[in-house]
Amino acid sequence: MTQEESRYSTAAVSLNDLVARDKTLTIFIDAYRQFPELVNLLEDAREHVTVVAVTNEAFKALGRIPPIDELKRRIKRHFLVDAASATDVLHGTQCTVNTLSTQPVSIALHADGRIHTLEGMATTFIAATSSAALYKVDLLLDA
C-alpha cells in the first residue's frame, strides 16, 4: 500500500466519507448524492461494495451531465456488489461482478492493485474500509 493509499484507508469512517476526501471526485459525489439509496449504501458499514468513482475530468469530457434517469443508471454501474472489494479477485484473473445497475461488469486485477474492465478502463485504488473499497477512474460507464 502506498503512502497515499494508507492515508485514505481506515475502518473508522464510511466509504461515503472516504469518497468526499478526494477533491477530484466532487462531480461524482454530487451525482450519487442525488440518490438516497446510494448514499445509504455507502454509509452502511455492513454492506460489501466496491465503488469505482468517476473523476471530474471524465464528467467534463462528456460536455454535459446526462439526464437524471440516465445518470442514475450510469452511476449505479460504478457500484460493484457481491464482493467486499475488487481485490478479492486473484491477480491476473478475470471475473464478472454484479453492479447496482442491470448490467454486470467484467474486471481483472493487476499485481500493482489496479483493476480494469473489459470496456478498457483502468482504475486506481484509493481507499478501503473493512467491507468496502474505493477506486477512481477516468470514464463514465454506459448504462
N, C-alpha and C. Protein backbone atom coordinates (compact mmCIF):
# COMPACT_ATOMS: atom_id res chain seq x y z
N MET A 1 0.85 -1.18 0.00
CA MET A 1 0.00 0.00 0.00
C MET A 1 0.89 1.23 0.00
N THR A 2 0.60 2.17 -0.87
CA THR A 2 1.40 3.39 -0.95
C THR A 2 1.06 4.32 0.21
N GLN A 3 1.86 5.37 0.36
CA GLN A 3 1.59 6.34 1.42
C GLN A 3 0.24 7.00 1.22
N GLU A 4 -0.10 7.33 -0.04
CA GLU A 4 -1.40 7.95 -0.31
C GLU A 4 -2.53 6.99 0.03
N GLU A 5 -2.37 5.70 -0.32
CA GLU A 5 -3.40 4.72 -0.02
C GLU A 5 -3.60 4.58 1.48
N SER A 6 -2.51 4.51 2.24
CA SER A 6 -2.65 4.35 3.68
C SER A 6 -3.26 5.59 4.33
N ARG A 7 -3.05 6.74 3.73
CA ARG A 7 -3.64 7.97 4.25
C ARG A 7 -5.17 7.90 4.18
N TYR A 8 -5.70 7.23 3.16
CA TYR A 8 -7.14 7.15 2.97
C TYR A 8 -7.75 5.90 3.59
N SER A 9 -6.98 4.86 3.86
CA SER A 9 -7.53 3.61 4.35
C SER A 9 -7.82 3.68 5.84
N THR A 10 -9.05 3.35 6.18
CA THR A 10 -9.44 3.34 7.59
C THR A 10 -10.75 2.61 7.74
N ALA A 11 -10.93 1.95 8.86
CA ALA A 11 -12.20 1.27 9.12
C ALA A 11 -13.11 2.15 9.97
N ALA A 12 -12.62 3.31 10.41
CA ALA A 12 -13.38 4.16 11.33
C ALA A 12 -14.37 5.07 10.63
N VAL A 13 -14.29 5.18 9.32
CA VAL A 13 -15.19 6.06 8.58
C VAL A 13 -15.91 5.27 7.50
N SER A 14 -16.99 5.84 7.01
CA SER A 14 -17.75 5.17 5.95
C SER A 14 -17.08 5.42 4.60
N LEU A 15 -17.47 4.61 3.63
CA LEU A 15 -16.97 4.83 2.28
C LEU A 15 -17.46 6.18 1.74
N ASN A 16 -18.62 6.60 2.17
CA ASN A 16 -19.14 7.91 1.79
C ASN A 16 -18.18 9.01 2.24
N ASP A 17 -17.64 8.89 3.45
CA ASP A 17 -16.66 9.86 3.95
C ASP A 17 -15.36 9.81 3.14
N LEU A 18 -14.93 8.60 2.80
CA LEU A 18 -13.68 8.46 2.06
C LEU A 18 -13.78 9.06 0.66
N VAL A 19 -14.91 8.87 0.00
CA VAL A 19 -15.10 9.45 -1.33
C VAL A 19 -14.98 10.97 -1.23
N ALA A 20 -15.57 11.55 -0.20
CA ALA A 20 -15.58 13.00 -0.04
C ALA A 20 -14.19 13.60 0.17
N ARG A 21 -13.23 12.79 0.58
CA ARG A 21 -11.88 13.30 0.82
C ARG A 21 -11.11 13.58 -0.46
N ASP A 22 -11.53 12.98 -1.56
CA ASP A 22 -10.81 13.13 -2.82
C ASP A 22 -11.44 14.26 -3.63
N LYS A 23 -10.73 15.35 -3.78
CA LYS A 23 -11.26 16.55 -4.45
C LYS A 23 -11.39 16.36 -5.96
N THR A 24 -10.86 15.28 -6.52
CA THR A 24 -11.03 15.02 -7.96
C THR A 24 -12.32 14.26 -8.25
N LEU A 25 -13.14 14.03 -7.21
CA LEU A 25 -14.38 13.26 -7.36
C LEU A 25 -15.63 14.06 -7.02
N THR A 26 -15.54 15.38 -6.98
CA THR A 26 -16.66 16.18 -6.50
C THR A 26 -17.91 16.08 -7.38
N ILE A 27 -17.75 15.96 -8.68
CA ILE A 27 -18.92 15.83 -9.55
C ILE A 27 -19.59 14.47 -9.33
N PHE A 28 -18.79 13.42 -9.18
CA PHE A 28 -19.33 12.09 -8.87
C PHE A 28 -20.10 12.12 -7.56
N ILE A 29 -19.53 12.78 -6.56
CA ILE A 29 -20.19 12.89 -5.25
C ILE A 29 -21.53 13.60 -5.41
N ASP A 30 -21.53 14.73 -6.09
CA ASP A 30 -22.79 15.46 -6.31
C ASP A 30 -23.80 14.59 -7.05
N ALA A 31 -23.32 13.79 -7.99
CA ALA A 31 -24.21 12.93 -8.78
C ALA A 31 -24.84 11.84 -7.93
N TYR A 32 -24.02 11.04 -7.21
CA TYR A 32 -24.61 9.92 -6.47
C TYR A 32 -25.40 10.39 -5.25
N ARG A 33 -25.09 11.54 -4.72
CA ARG A 33 -25.84 12.03 -3.56
C ARG A 33 -27.26 12.48 -3.91
N GLN A 34 -27.59 12.52 -5.18
CA GLN A 34 -28.97 12.78 -5.60
C GLN A 34 -29.86 11.56 -5.36
N PHE A 35 -29.24 10.42 -5.07
CA PHE A 35 -29.96 9.16 -4.94
C PHE A 35 -29.74 8.59 -3.54
N PRO A 36 -30.70 8.79 -2.63
CA PRO A 36 -30.53 8.41 -1.23
C PRO A 36 -30.13 6.95 -1.03
N GLU A 37 -30.60 6.04 -1.88
CA GLU A 37 -30.24 4.63 -1.69
C GLU A 37 -28.74 4.40 -1.88
N LEU A 38 -28.10 5.20 -2.71
CA LEU A 38 -26.65 5.07 -2.90
C LEU A 38 -25.90 5.65 -1.70
N VAL A 39 -26.36 6.77 -1.19
CA VAL A 39 -25.75 7.36 0.00
C VAL A 39 -25.88 6.39 1.17
N ASN A 40 -27.07 5.83 1.35
CA ASN A 40 -27.29 4.89 2.46
C ASN A 40 -26.40 3.66 2.34
N LEU A 41 -26.22 3.18 1.13
CA LEU A 41 -25.36 2.02 0.90
C LEU A 41 -23.93 2.31 1.36
N LEU A 42 -23.43 3.49 1.04
CA LEU A 42 -22.06 3.84 1.41
C LEU A 42 -21.91 4.17 2.88
N GLU A 43 -23.00 4.49 3.54
CA GLU A 43 -22.96 4.76 4.98
C GLU A 43 -23.02 3.49 5.81
N ASP A 44 -23.53 2.40 5.25
CA ASP A 44 -23.74 1.16 5.98
C ASP A 44 -22.47 0.32 5.98
N ALA A 45 -21.80 0.24 7.11
CA ALA A 45 -20.54 -0.48 7.23
C ALA A 45 -20.69 -1.98 7.00
N ARG A 46 -21.91 -2.50 7.06
CA ARG A 46 -22.12 -3.94 6.85
C ARG A 46 -22.20 -4.30 5.38
N GLU A 47 -22.40 -3.31 4.53
CA GLU A 47 -22.53 -3.57 3.09
C GLU A 47 -21.16 -3.83 2.46
N HIS A 48 -21.12 -4.82 1.61
CA HIS A 48 -19.91 -5.15 0.87
C HIS A 48 -20.05 -4.56 -0.53
N VAL A 49 -19.31 -3.52 -0.79
CA VAL A 49 -19.44 -2.81 -2.06
C VAL A 49 -18.08 -2.24 -2.46
N THR A 50 -17.83 -2.24 -3.75
CA THR A 50 -16.67 -1.56 -4.31
C THR A 50 -17.19 -0.45 -5.20
N VAL A 51 -16.73 0.75 -4.97
CA VAL A 51 -17.15 1.90 -5.78
C VAL A 51 -16.00 2.27 -6.71
N VAL A 52 -16.32 2.37 -7.99
CA VAL A 52 -15.37 2.84 -8.98
C VAL A 52 -15.82 4.26 -9.34
N ALA A 53 -15.28 5.22 -8.60
CA ALA A 53 -15.72 6.62 -8.70
C ALA A 53 -15.15 7.28 -9.95
N VAL A 54 -15.98 8.07 -10.58
CA VAL A 54 -15.64 8.76 -11.83
C VAL A 54 -15.04 10.12 -11.51
N THR A 55 -13.91 10.43 -12.12
CA THR A 55 -13.24 11.71 -11.86
C THR A 55 -13.98 12.88 -12.48
N ASN A 56 -13.69 14.05 -11.95
CA ASN A 56 -14.25 15.29 -12.51
C ASN A 56 -13.90 15.43 -13.99
N GLU A 57 -12.67 15.08 -14.35
CA GLU A 57 -12.24 15.20 -15.74
C GLU A 57 -13.09 14.34 -16.67
N ALA A 58 -13.48 13.15 -16.22
CA ALA A 58 -14.32 12.28 -17.04
C ALA A 58 -15.69 12.90 -17.26
N PHE A 59 -16.26 13.48 -16.21
CA PHE A 59 -17.55 14.15 -16.36
C PHE A 59 -17.43 15.36 -17.30
N LYS A 60 -16.36 16.12 -17.15
CA LYS A 60 -16.17 17.29 -18.01
C LYS A 60 -16.01 16.89 -19.47
N ALA A 61 -15.39 15.74 -19.71
CA ALA A 61 -15.20 15.26 -21.08
C ALA A 61 -16.52 14.92 -21.76
N LEU A 62 -17.55 14.63 -20.97
CA LEU A 62 -18.87 14.35 -21.54
C LEU A 62 -19.49 15.59 -22.17
N GLY A 63 -19.10 16.75 -21.68
CA GLY A 63 -19.65 18.00 -22.18
C GLY A 63 -20.94 18.42 -21.50
N ARG A 64 -21.63 17.47 -20.92
CA ARG A 64 -22.88 17.75 -20.19
C ARG A 64 -23.13 16.59 -19.23
N ILE A 65 -23.84 16.88 -18.17
CA ILE A 65 -24.27 15.82 -17.26
C ILE A 65 -25.50 15.16 -17.89
N PRO A 66 -25.54 13.83 -17.94
CA PRO A 66 -26.70 13.16 -18.54
C PRO A 66 -28.00 13.48 -17.79
N PRO A 67 -29.15 13.33 -18.46
CA PRO A 67 -30.43 13.49 -17.78
C PRO A 67 -30.49 12.56 -16.56
N ILE A 68 -31.30 12.92 -15.58
CA ILE A 68 -31.30 12.26 -14.27
C ILE A 68 -31.48 10.75 -14.34
N ASP A 69 -32.40 10.24 -15.17
CA ASP A 69 -32.61 8.79 -15.25
C ASP A 69 -31.39 8.08 -15.83
N GLU A 70 -30.81 8.66 -16.87
CA GLU A 70 -29.60 8.09 -17.46
C GLU A 70 -28.44 8.18 -16.48
N LEU A 71 -28.31 9.31 -15.81
CA LEU A 71 -27.24 9.48 -14.83
C LEU A 71 -27.33 8.41 -13.75
N LYS A 72 -28.52 8.17 -13.25
CA LYS A 72 -28.68 7.16 -12.20
C LYS A 72 -28.26 5.78 -12.70
N ARG A 73 -28.69 5.40 -13.90
CA ARG A 73 -28.31 4.09 -14.45
C ARG A 73 -26.80 3.99 -14.60
N ARG A 74 -26.18 5.05 -15.08
CA ARG A 74 -24.73 5.01 -15.32
C ARG A 74 -23.95 5.03 -14.01
N ILE A 75 -24.38 5.83 -13.05
CA ILE A 75 -23.71 5.87 -11.75
C ILE A 75 -23.81 4.51 -11.06
N LYS A 76 -24.98 3.89 -11.12
CA LYS A 76 -25.18 2.60 -10.46
C LYS A 76 -24.27 1.51 -11.04
N ARG A 77 -23.84 1.68 -12.25
CA ARG A 77 -22.92 0.71 -12.86
C ARG A 77 -21.54 0.79 -12.22
N HIS A 78 -21.26 1.86 -11.52
CA HIS A 78 -19.97 2.05 -10.85
C HIS A 78 -19.98 1.53 -9.41
N PHE A 79 -21.09 0.97 -8.97
CA PHE A 79 -21.21 0.37 -7.65
C PHE A 79 -21.19 -1.14 -7.82
N LEU A 80 -20.05 -1.77 -7.52
CA LEU A 80 -19.89 -3.21 -7.67
C LEU A 80 -20.30 -3.88 -6.37
N VAL A 81 -21.15 -4.90 -6.46
CA VAL A 81 -21.66 -5.57 -5.27
C VAL A 81 -21.28 -7.05 -5.28
N ASP A 82 -21.59 -7.72 -4.20
CA ASP A 82 -21.31 -9.15 -4.03
C ASP A 82 -19.83 -9.45 -3.84
N ALA A 83 -19.05 -8.45 -3.51
CA ALA A 83 -17.64 -8.66 -3.18
C ALA A 83 -17.25 -7.55 -2.22
N ALA A 84 -16.50 -7.91 -1.19
CA ALA A 84 -16.05 -6.90 -0.24
C ALA A 84 -15.16 -5.89 -0.93
N SER A 85 -14.45 -6.35 -1.92
CA SER A 85 -13.52 -5.49 -2.62
C SER A 85 -13.18 -6.12 -3.95
N ALA A 86 -12.90 -5.30 -4.92
CA ALA A 86 -12.44 -5.84 -6.20
C ALA A 86 -11.14 -6.60 -6.01
N THR A 87 -10.42 -6.33 -4.94
CA THR A 87 -9.17 -7.04 -4.69
C THR A 87 -9.41 -8.47 -4.24
N ASP A 88 -10.68 -8.88 -4.06
CA ASP A 88 -10.98 -10.28 -3.81
C ASP A 88 -10.65 -11.13 -5.03
N VAL A 89 -10.54 -10.50 -6.18
CA VAL A 89 -10.20 -11.20 -7.41
C VAL A 89 -8.72 -11.54 -7.36
N LEU A 90 -8.37 -12.75 -7.76
CA LEU A 90 -6.97 -13.14 -7.79
C LEU A 90 -6.23 -12.38 -8.88
N HIS A 91 -4.99 -12.00 -8.62
CA HIS A 91 -4.19 -11.27 -9.60
C HIS A 91 -4.17 -12.01 -10.92
N GLY A 92 -4.40 -11.28 -11.99
CA GLY A 92 -4.33 -11.85 -13.32
C GLY A 92 -5.57 -12.60 -13.77
N THR A 93 -6.57 -12.72 -12.91
CA THR A 93 -7.79 -13.41 -13.30
C THR A 93 -8.87 -12.40 -13.63
N GLN A 94 -9.82 -12.86 -14.40
CA GLN A 94 -10.96 -12.02 -14.74
C GLN A 94 -12.21 -12.61 -14.13
N CYS A 95 -13.13 -11.76 -13.75
CA CYS A 95 -14.42 -12.24 -13.26
C CYS A 95 -15.48 -11.21 -13.60
N THR A 96 -16.71 -11.64 -13.53
CA THR A 96 -17.84 -10.74 -13.75
C THR A 96 -18.43 -10.41 -12.40
N VAL A 97 -18.60 -9.12 -12.14
CA VAL A 97 -19.09 -8.64 -10.86
C VAL A 97 -20.43 -7.95 -11.08
N ASN A 98 -21.40 -8.25 -10.23
CA ASN A 98 -22.69 -7.57 -10.32
C ASN A 98 -22.54 -6.12 -9.92
N THR A 99 -23.37 -5.29 -10.51
CA THR A 99 -23.42 -3.87 -10.16
C THR A 99 -24.83 -3.56 -9.69
N LEU A 100 -25.05 -2.35 -9.25
CA LEU A 100 -26.40 -1.95 -8.86
C LEU A 100 -27.28 -1.66 -10.08
N SER A 101 -26.69 -1.61 -11.26
CA SER A 101 -27.48 -1.46 -12.48
C SER A 101 -27.86 -2.85 -12.97
N THR A 102 -28.50 -2.92 -14.09
CA THR A 102 -28.90 -4.21 -14.64
C THR A 102 -27.75 -4.91 -15.36
N GLN A 103 -26.64 -4.21 -15.57
CA GLN A 103 -25.51 -4.79 -16.28
C GLN A 103 -24.34 -5.04 -15.35
N PRO A 104 -23.84 -6.30 -15.32
CA PRO A 104 -22.62 -6.56 -14.55
C PRO A 104 -21.41 -5.98 -15.29
N VAL A 105 -20.28 -6.01 -14.66
CA VAL A 105 -19.06 -5.53 -15.29
C VAL A 105 -18.00 -6.61 -15.12
N SER A 106 -17.22 -6.85 -16.16
CA SER A 106 -16.13 -7.82 -16.09
C SER A 106 -14.86 -7.08 -15.72
N ILE A 107 -14.14 -7.60 -14.73
CA ILE A 107 -12.93 -6.93 -14.24
C ILE A 107 -11.78 -7.91 -14.17
N ALA A 108 -10.58 -7.36 -14.17
CA ALA A 108 -9.36 -8.11 -13.92
C ALA A 108 -8.51 -7.28 -12.97
N LEU A 109 -7.77 -7.95 -12.12
CA LEU A 109 -6.92 -7.28 -11.14
C LEU A 109 -5.47 -7.46 -11.53
N HIS A 110 -4.71 -6.37 -11.52
CA HIS A 110 -3.28 -6.41 -11.82
C HIS A 110 -2.49 -6.51 -10.52
N ALA A 111 -1.26 -6.96 -10.63
CA ALA A 111 -0.40 -7.13 -9.46
C ALA A 111 -0.16 -5.81 -8.73
N ASP A 112 -0.23 -4.68 -9.44
CA ASP A 112 0.01 -3.38 -8.79
C ASP A 112 -1.23 -2.83 -8.10
N GLY A 113 -2.34 -3.61 -8.08
CA GLY A 113 -3.54 -3.18 -7.38
C GLY A 113 -4.57 -2.50 -8.25
N ARG A 114 -4.20 -2.15 -9.49
CA ARG A 114 -5.19 -1.55 -10.39
C ARG A 114 -6.15 -2.63 -10.87
N ILE A 115 -7.36 -2.23 -11.17
CA ILE A 115 -8.29 -3.12 -11.84
C ILE A 115 -8.62 -2.52 -13.19
N HIS A 116 -9.06 -3.34 -14.11
CA HIS A 116 -9.57 -2.80 -15.37
C HIS A 116 -10.78 -3.61 -15.79
N THR A 117 -11.59 -3.01 -16.62
CA THR A 117 -12.79 -3.68 -17.11
C THR A 117 -12.60 -4.02 -18.57
N LEU A 118 -13.48 -4.86 -19.08
CA LEU A 118 -13.42 -5.20 -20.49
C LEU A 118 -13.74 -4.01 -21.37
N GLU A 119 -14.34 -2.97 -20.79
CA GLU A 119 -14.56 -1.72 -21.52
C GLU A 119 -13.24 -0.97 -21.71
N GLY A 120 -12.18 -1.45 -21.06
CA GLY A 120 -10.87 -0.88 -21.24
C GLY A 120 -10.46 0.17 -20.24
N MET A 121 -11.28 0.43 -19.24
CA MET A 121 -10.92 1.47 -18.29
C MET A 121 -10.02 0.90 -17.20
N ALA A 122 -8.95 1.61 -16.92
CA ALA A 122 -8.07 1.23 -15.83
C ALA A 122 -8.43 2.07 -14.62
N THR A 123 -8.37 1.47 -13.46
CA THR A 123 -8.74 2.19 -12.26
C THR A 123 -7.62 2.13 -11.24
N THR A 124 -7.60 3.08 -10.35
CA THR A 124 -6.57 3.20 -9.33
C THR A 124 -7.20 3.06 -7.96
N PHE A 125 -6.61 2.23 -7.10
CA PHE A 125 -7.09 2.05 -5.74
C PHE A 125 -6.90 3.35 -4.96
N ILE A 126 -7.92 3.73 -4.19
CA ILE A 126 -7.85 4.95 -3.39
C ILE A 126 -7.97 4.66 -1.90
N ALA A 127 -8.97 3.87 -1.51
CA ALA A 127 -9.23 3.69 -0.08
C ALA A 127 -10.00 2.41 0.16
N ALA A 128 -10.03 2.00 1.44
CA ALA A 128 -10.80 0.82 1.82
C ALA A 128 -11.28 0.95 3.25
N THR A 129 -12.40 0.30 3.51
CA THR A 129 -12.88 0.10 4.88
C THR A 129 -12.87 -1.41 5.09
N SER A 130 -13.40 -1.87 6.20
CA SER A 130 -13.40 -3.31 6.46
C SER A 130 -14.27 -4.09 5.48
N SER A 131 -15.24 -3.44 4.86
CA SER A 131 -16.14 -4.16 3.96
C SER A 131 -16.30 -3.52 2.59
N ALA A 132 -15.53 -2.49 2.29
CA ALA A 132 -15.73 -1.78 1.03
C ALA A 132 -14.41 -1.24 0.50
N ALA A 133 -14.41 -0.92 -0.78
CA ALA A 133 -13.21 -0.36 -1.40
C ALA A 133 -13.61 0.75 -2.37
N LEU A 134 -12.69 1.67 -2.58
CA LEU A 134 -12.90 2.81 -3.47
C LEU A 134 -11.78 2.85 -4.50
N TYR A 135 -12.18 2.92 -5.76
CA TYR A 135 -11.25 3.09 -6.86
C TYR A 135 -11.66 4.35 -7.61
N LYS A 136 -10.75 4.86 -8.42
CA LYS A 136 -11.01 6.07 -9.19
C LYS A 136 -10.74 5.77 -10.66
N VAL A 137 -11.60 6.31 -11.54
CA VAL A 137 -11.49 6.03 -12.97
C VAL A 137 -11.80 7.28 -13.79
N ASP A 138 -11.25 7.35 -14.99
CA ASP A 138 -11.44 8.50 -15.88
C ASP A 138 -12.45 8.25 -16.99
N LEU A 139 -13.51 7.47 -16.70
CA LEU A 139 -14.51 7.16 -17.71
C LEU A 139 -15.83 6.83 -17.02
N LEU A 140 -16.91 7.39 -17.51
CA LEU A 140 -18.24 7.04 -17.01
C LEU A 140 -18.78 5.91 -17.88
N LEU A 141 -19.04 4.75 -17.26
CA LEU A 141 -19.53 3.59 -18.00
C LEU A 141 -20.90 3.86 -18.60
N ASP A 142 -21.17 3.23 -19.72
CA ASP A 142 -22.50 3.30 -20.31
C ASP A 142 -23.47 2.52 -19.45
N ALA A 143 -24.74 2.88 -19.54
CA ALA A 143 -25.77 2.21 -18.73
C ALA A 143 -26.15 0.88 -19.32
